[in-house]
Amino acid sequence: MSEPDSGLYDAMNKGIRMATCDVVGILNSDDVFYDEQVLAKVAQAFEEEPELDAVIGDIVFVKEDDLNQVVRKYSAKNWKPSKFAWGYMPPHPSFFVRREWFEKLGYYKTDYKIAADYELLIRFLLKGGLRWKYLPLTTTKMRMGGLSTRGIQSLLTLNREIYRACKENDVYTNYAMIYSKYLFKPFEFIFK
């Protein structure tokens, strides 16, 4: 469906509200599923463990003009909710959650420009206490050059919104903690 909206997160909310399925995952317009088995494997995880509210996997960043050339891997294997305070979140495109939680905990906040996904994940996984597990599965190929990586202004906006998301959800943080993640980012490219 294509119609006017009030931005990325408003469009996501519209899609979620229209969904008739039990589990929701977000695939942005420039992204593709890693392979044809992704959705079947995600569905299998929920079927095998009906008490699960959400699963999180891995994603790869690929060149804009070559979906098979991996530039960076972003894994949730060692991620845990306490890392929100340090500016880390699991890869949002690998997050699949039971749709009912949007009705219970709310949708994406549309007054965020870049980090509404960060805020939603804090609200669901930390504050909301959803039962989730890491799924050792690469779910998505994501092209380089997304909204949060478009230059210094985007970087500053992103980190201000991460700080705000933490504060709104009672997660202690400060800017030194959030910006410290950039000391480790180069290793994501080296050890892909």
C-alpha atoms as a PDB file:
ATOM      1  CA  MET A   1       0.000   0.000   0.000  1.00  0.00           C
ATOM      2  CA  SER A   2       1.310   3.442  -0.844  1.00  0.00           C
ATOM      3  CA  GLU A   3      -0.221   6.571   0.657  1.00  0.00           C
ATOM      4  CA  PRO A   4       0.888   9.765   2.391  1.00  0.00           C
ATOM      5  CA  ASP A   5       2.154   9.384   5.936  1.00  0.00           C
ATOM      6  CA  SER A   6       3.915  11.409   8.600  1.00  0.00           C
ATOM      7  CA  GLY A   7       7.278   9.690   8.207  1.00  0.00           C
ATOM      8  CA  LEU A   8       8.946   6.319   8.519  1.00  0.00           C
ATOM      9  CA  TYR A   9       7.574   5.384  11.936  1.00  0.00           C
ATOM     10  CA  ASP A  10       4.029   6.454  11.082  1.00  0.00           C
ATOM     11  CA  ALA A  11       4.219   4.204   8.003  1.00  0.00           C
ATOM     12  CA  MET A  12       5.455   1.297  10.157  1.00  0.00           C
ATOM     13  CA  ASN A  13       2.593   1.844  12.613  1.00  0.00           C
ATOM     14  CA  LYS A  14       0.074   1.820   9.771  1.00  0.00           C
ATOM     15  CA  GLY A  15       1.472  -1.473   8.510  1.00  0.00           C
ATOM     16  CA  ILE A  16       1.376  -3.071  11.960  1.00  0.00           C
ATOM     17  CA  ARG A  17      -2.213  -1.928  12.515  1.00  0.00           C
ATOM     18  CA  MET A  18      -3.199  -3.473   9.175  1.00  0.00           C
ATOM     19  CA  ALA A  19      -1.434  -6.761   9.905  1.00  0.00           C
ATOM     20  CA  THR A  20      -3.631  -9.792  10.512  1.00  0.00           C
ATOM     21  CA  CYS A  21      -0.824 -12.166  11.468  1.00  0.00           C
ATOM     22  CA  ASP A  22       0.313 -13.228  14.946  1.00  0.00           C
ATOM     23  CA  VAL A  23       3.968 -12.160  14.565  1.00  0.00           C
ATOM     24  CA  VAL A  24       5.314  -8.896  13.123  1.00  0.00           C
ATOM     25  CA  GLY A  25       8.746  -8.126  11.703  1.00  0.00           C
ATOM     26  CA  ILE A  26       9.786  -4.988   9.850  1.00  0.00           C
ATOM     27  CA  LEU A  27      11.480  -5.137   6.450  1.00  0.00           C
ATOM     28  CA  ASN A  28      12.418  -1.671   5.222  1.00  0.00           C
ATOM     29  CA  SER A  29      12.173  -0.731   1.557  1.00  0.00           C
ATOM     30  CA  ASP A  30      15.926  -1.056   0.858  1.00  0.00           C
ATOM     31  CA  ASP A  31      16.299  -4.341   2.734  1.00  0.00           C
ATOM     32  CA  VAL A  32      15.723  -7.950   1.701  1.00  0.00           C
ATOM     33  CA  PHE A  33      15.417 -11.164   3.654  1.00  0.00           C
ATOM     34  CA  TYR A  34      18.686 -13.074   3.770  1.00  0.00           C
ATOM     35  CA  ASP A  35      17.139 -16.074   2.026  1.00  0.00           C
ATOM     36  CA  GLU A  36      13.790 -17.725   1.313  1.00  0.00           C
ATOM     37  CA  GLN A  37      13.853 -19.719   4.563  1.00  0.00           C
ATOM     38  CA  VAL A  38      13.926 -16.785   7.011  1.00  0.00           C
ATOM     39  CA  LEU A  39      10.194 -16.483   7.663  1.00  0.00           C
ATOM     40  CA  ALA A  40       9.740 -20.248   7.951  1.00  0.00           C
ATOM     41  CA  LYS A  41      12.561 -20.449  10.516  1.00  0.00           C
ATOM     42  CA  VAL A  42      11.157 -17.536  12.526  1.00  0.00           C
ATOM     43  CA  ALA A  43       7.695 -19.149  12.496  1.00  0.00           C
ATOM     44  CA  GLN A  44       9.230 -22.456  13.579  1.00  0.00           C
ATOM     45  CA  ALA A  45      10.897 -20.773  16.576  1.00  0.00           C
ATOM     46  CA  PHE A  46       7.532 -19.418  17.762  1.00  0.00           C
ATOM     47  CA  GLU A  47       5.819 -22.775  17.161  1.00  0.00           C
ATOM     48  CA  GLU A  48       8.471 -24.719  19.069  1.00  0.00           C
ATOM     49  CA  GLU A  49       8.345 -22.311  22.027  1.00  0.00           C
ATOM     50  CA  PRO A  50       4.813 -20.866  22.263  1.00  0.00           C
ATOM     51  CA  GLU A  51       5.728 -18.965  25.443  1.00  0.00           C
ATOM     52  CA  LEU A  52       8.110 -16.717  23.438  1.00  0.00           C
ATOM     53  CA  ASP A  53       7.029 -13.146  22.827  1.00  0.00           C
ATOM     54  CA  ALA A  54       9.902 -12.227  20.492  1.00  0.00           C
ATOM     55  CA  VAL A  55      13.005 -13.493  18.720  1.00  0.00           C
ATOM     56  CA  ILE A  56      16.088 -11.588  17.614  1.00  0.00           C
ATOM     57  CA  GLY A  57      18.612 -12.709  15.022  1.00  0.00           C
ATOM     58  CA  ASP A  58      21.479 -11.237  13.048  1.00  0.00           C
ATOM     59  CA  ILE A  59      21.714  -9.020   9.987  1.00  0.00           C
ATOM     60  CA  VAL A  60      24.388  -8.206   7.449  1.00  0.00           C
ATOM     61  CA  PHE A  61      25.105  -4.856   5.850  1.00  0.00           C
ATOM     62  CA  VAL A  62      25.770  -5.168   2.136  1.00  0.00           C
ATOM     63  CA  LYS A  63      26.993  -2.857  -0.592  1.00  0.00           C
ATOM     64  CA  GLU A  64      24.252  -0.714  -2.042  1.00  0.00           C
ATOM     65  CA  ASP A  65      24.787  -2.086  -5.546  1.00  0.00           C
ATOM     66  CA  ASP A  66      25.721  -5.680  -4.605  1.00  0.00           C
ATOM     67  CA  LEU A  67      23.465  -7.547  -2.185  1.00  0.00           C
ATOM     68  CA  ASN A  68      25.944 -10.427  -2.022  1.00  0.00           C
ATOM     69  CA  GLN A  69      28.934  -8.388  -0.868  1.00  0.00           C
ATOM     70  CA  VAL A  70      28.833  -8.289   2.936  1.00  0.00           C
ATOM     71  CA  VAL A  71      30.487  -5.220   4.437  1.00  0.00           C
ATOM     72  CA  ARG A  72      29.592  -5.745   8.080  1.00  0.00           C
ATOM     73  CA  LYS A  73      27.787  -8.281  10.266  1.00  0.00           C
ATOM     74  CA  TYR A  74      25.612  -7.107  13.137  1.00  0.00           C
ATOM     75  CA  SER A  75      24.942  -9.965  15.528  1.00  0.00           C
ATOM     76  CA  ALA A  76      22.647 -10.111  18.547  1.00  0.00           C
ATOM     77  CA  LYS A  77      24.393 -13.220  19.874  1.00  0.00           C
ATOM     78  CA  ASN A  78      26.042 -11.419  22.800  1.00  0.00           C
ATOM     79  CA  TRP A  79      23.504  -8.638  23.175  1.00  0.00           C
ATOM     80  CA  LYS A  80      21.531  -8.249  26.411  1.00  0.00           C
ATOM     81  CA  PRO A  81      19.087  -5.555  27.601  1.00  0.00           C
ATOM     82  CA  SER A  82      21.638  -3.929  29.919  1.00  0.00           C
ATOM     83  CA  LYS A  83      23.487  -2.781  26.777  1.00  0.00           C
ATOM     84  CA  PHE A  84      20.726  -0.270  25.976  1.00  0.00           C
ATOM     85  CA  ALA A  85      22.360   2.141  28.452  1.00  0.00           C
ATOM     86  CA  TRP A  86      25.559   1.959  26.400  1.00  0.00           C
ATOM     87  CA  GLY A  87      23.901   2.811  23.089  1.00  0.00           C
ATOM     88  CA  TYR A  88      23.554  -0.764  21.833  1.00  0.00           C
ATOM     89  CA  MET A  89      20.391  -2.373  20.609  1.00  0.00           C
ATOM     90  CA  PRO A  90      19.804  -5.646  18.820  1.00  0.00           C
ATOM     91  CA  PRO A  91      19.480  -5.333  15.049  1.00  0.00           C
ATOM     92  CA  HIS A  92      15.965  -4.010  14.578  1.00  0.00           C
ATOM     93  CA  PRO A  93      15.355  -5.759  11.208  1.00  0.00           C
ATOM     94  CA  SER A  94      15.940  -9.102  12.956  1.00  0.00           C
ATOM     95  CA  PHE A  95      13.316  -8.407  15.657  1.00  0.00           C
ATOM     96  CA  PHE A  96      10.113 -10.422  15.325  1.00  0.00           C
ATOM     97  CA  VAL A  97       7.438  -9.976  17.996  1.00  0.00           C
ATOM     98  CA  ARG A  98       3.900 -11.119  18.657  1.00  0.00           C
ATOM     99  CA  ARG A  99       1.585  -8.428  17.303  1.00  0.00           C
ATOM    100  CA  GLU A 100      -0.447  -8.285  20.519  1.00  0.00           C
ATOM    101  CA  TRP A 101       2.445  -6.479  22.242  1.00  0.00           C
ATOM    102  CA  PHE A 102       1.974  -3.395  20.083  1.00  0.00           C
ATOM    103  CA  GLU A 103      -1.576  -3.170  21.386  1.00  0.00           C
ATOM    104  CA  LYS A 104      -0.405  -3.674  24.992  1.00  0.00           C
ATOM    105  CA  LEU A 105       2.793  -1.578  25.035  1.00  0.00           C
ATOM    106  CA  GLY A 106       2.235   0.875  22.195  1.00  0.00           C
ATOM    107  CA  TYR A 107       3.552   1.518  18.718  1.00  0.00           C
ATOM    108  CA  TYR A 108       6.575   3.411  17.379  1.00  0.00           C
ATOM    109  CA  LYS A 109       6.701   6.977  18.696  1.00  0.00           C
ATOM    110  CA  THR A 110       6.353   9.222  15.668  1.00  0.00           C
ATOM    111  CA  ASP A 111       8.034  12.241  17.254  1.00  0.00           C
ATOM    112  CA  TYR A 112      11.411  10.485  16.946  1.00  0.00           C
ATOM    113  CA  LYS A 113      13.297  11.100  13.703  1.00  0.00           C
ATOM    114  CA  ILE A 114      15.812   8.232  13.777  1.00  0.00           C
ATOM    115  CA  ALA A 115      15.654   6.181  16.988  1.00  0.00           C
ATOM    116  CA  ALA A 116      11.993   5.239  17.488  1.00  0.00           C
ATOM    117  CA  ASP A 117      13.067   1.630  16.910  1.00  0.00           C
ATOM    118  CA  TYR A 118      15.583   1.978  19.764  1.00  0.00           C
ATOM    119  CA  GLU A 119      12.906   3.376  22.072  1.00  0.00           C
ATOM    120  CA  LEU A 120      10.416   0.662  21.133  1.00  0.00           C
ATOM    121  CA  LEU A 121      12.958  -2.088  21.753  1.00  0.00           C
ATOM    122  CA  ILE A 122      13.762  -0.681  25.208  1.00  0.00           C
ATOM    123  CA  ARG A 123      10.055  -0.461  25.995  1.00  0.00           C
ATOM    124  CA  PHE A 124       9.393  -4.022  24.820  1.00  0.00           C
ATOM    125  CA  LEU A 125      12.518  -5.960  25.801  1.00  0.00           C
ATOM    126  CA  LEU A 126      13.610  -4.200  28.977  1.00  0.00           C
ATOM    127  CA  LYS A 127      10.734  -2.285  30.489  1.00  0.00           C
ATOM    128  CA  GLY A 128       7.986  -4.541  29.123  1.00  0.00           C
ATOM    129  CA  GLY A 129       9.824  -7.709  30.112  1.00  0.00           C
ATOM    130  CA  LEU A 130       8.968  -9.670  26.992  1.00  0.00           C
ATOM    131  CA  ARG A 131      10.208 -13.241  26.850  1.00  0.00           C
ATOM    132  CA  TRP A 132      12.653 -13.281  23.976  1.00  0.00           C
ATOM    133  CA  LYS A 133      15.517 -15.365  22.725  1.00  0.00           C
ATOM    134  CA  TYR A 134      18.396 -15.064  20.339  1.00  0.00           C
ATOM    135  CA  LEU A 135      17.842 -17.012  17.150  1.00  0.00           C
ATOM    136  CA  PRO A 136      21.152 -17.931  15.454  1.00  0.00           C
ATOM    137  CA  LEU A 137      19.850 -16.849  12.073  1.00  0.00           C
ATOM    138  CA  THR A 138      20.829 -14.083   9.681  1.00  0.00           C
ATOM    139  CA  THR A 139      17.459 -12.618   8.811  1.00  0.00           C
ATOM    140  CA  THR A 140      18.176  -9.563   6.695  1.00  0.00           C
ATOM    141  CA  LYS A 141      20.497  -8.002   4.137  1.00  0.00           C
ATOM    142  CA  MET A 142      20.548  -4.275   4.795  1.00  0.00           C
ATOM    143  CA  ARG A 143      22.068  -1.829   2.335  1.00  0.00           C
ATOM    144  CA  MET A 144      24.696   0.568   3.687  1.00  0.00           C
ATOM    145  CA  GLY A 145      23.699   4.220   4.008  1.00  0.00           C
ATOM    146  CA  GLY A 146      20.597   4.121   6.184  1.00  0.00           C
ATOM    147  CA  LEU A 147      18.946   7.062   7.910  1.00  0.00           C
ATOM    148  CA  SER A 148      21.140   6.883  11.013  1.00  0.00           C
ATOM    149  CA  THR A 149      24.434   6.893   9.087  1.00  0.00           C
ATOM    150  CA  ARG A 150      23.988   9.897   6.785  1.00  0.00           C
ATOM    151  CA  GLY A 151      26.609  12.162   8.336  1.00  0.00           C
ATOM    152  CA  ILE A 152      27.421  13.979  11.534  1.00  0.00           C
ATOM    153  CA  GLN A 153      23.961  15.571  11.936  1.00  0.00           C
ATOM    154  CA  SER A 154      22.294  12.173  11.734  1.00  0.00           C
ATOM    155  CA  LEU A 155      24.797  10.766  14.217  1.00  0.00           C
ATOM    156  CA  LEU A 156      24.120  13.588  16.694  1.00  0.00           C
ATOM    157  CA  THR A 157      20.349  13.251  16.293  1.00  0.00           C
ATOM    158  CA  LEU A 158      20.572   9.482  16.728  1.00  0.00           C
ATOM    159  CA  ASN A 159      22.513   9.722  19.977  1.00  0.00           C
ATOM    160  CA  ARG A 160      20.305  12.497  21.394  1.00  0.00           C
ATOM    161  CA  GLU A 161      17.313  10.267  20.709  1.00  0.00           C
ATOM    162  CA  ILE A 162      19.018   7.232  22.262  1.00  0.00           C
ATOM    163  CA  TYR A 163      19.617   9.335  25.379  1.00  0.00           C
ATOM    164  CA  ARG A 164      15.974  10.446  25.339  1.00  0.00           C
ATOM    165  CA  ALA A 165      14.719   6.863  24.851  1.00  0.00           C
ATOM    166  CA  CYS A 166      16.718   5.693  27.847  1.00  0.00           C
ATOM    167  CA  LYS A 167      15.441   8.548  30.037  1.00  0.00           C
ATOM    168  CA  GLU A 168      11.816   7.986  29.000  1.00  0.00           C
ATOM    169  CA  ASN A 169      12.119   4.334  29.984  1.00  0.00           C
ATOM    170  CA  ASP A 170      14.030   4.854  33.249  1.00  0.00           C
ATOM    171  CA  VAL A 171      17.342   3.493  31.953  1.00  0.00           C
ATOM    172  CA  TYR A 172      20.339   5.260  33.459  1.00  0.00           C
ATOM    173  CA  THR A 173      22.798   6.483  30.846  1.00  0.00           C
ATOM    174  CA  ASN A 174      24.914   9.478  29.914  1.00  0.00           C
ATOM    175  CA  TYR A 175      26.500  10.718  26.712  1.00  0.00           C
ATOM    176  CA  ALA A 176      29.942   9.326  27.593  1.00  0.00           C
ATOM    177  CA  MET A 177      28.421   5.851  27.885  1.00  0.00           C
ATOM    178  CA  ILE A 178      26.502   6.188  24.622  1.00  0.00           C
ATOM    179  CA  TYR A 179      29.398   7.553  22.564  1.00  0.00           C
ATOM    180  CA  SER A 180      31.834   4.940  23.912  1.00  0.00           C
ATOM    181  CA  LYS A 181      30.314   2.427  21.472  1.00  0.00           C
ATOM    182  CA  TYR A 182      32.201   4.124  18.646  1.00  0.00           C
ATOM    183  CA  LEU A 183      35.462   2.830  20.074  1.00  0.00           C
ATOM    184  CA  PHE A 184      34.332  -0.699  19.164  1.00  0.00           C
ATOM    185  CA  LYS A 185      32.497  -0.100  15.858  1.00  0.00           C
ATOM    186  CA  PRO A 186      35.594  -0.655  13.653  1.00  0.00           C
ATOM    187  CA  PHE A 187      35.768  -4.253  14.882  1.00  0.00           C
ATOM    188  CA  GLU A 188      32.354  -4.963  13.337  1.00  0.00           C
ATOM    189  CA  PHE A 189      33.940  -4.373   9.923  1.00  0.00           C
ATOM    190  CA  ILE A 190      37.109  -6.349  10.670  1.00  0.00           C
ATOM    191  CA  PHE A 191      35.387  -9.433  12.135  1.00  0.00           C
ATOM    192  CA  LYS A 192      32.422  -9.721   9.796  1.00  0.00           C
END
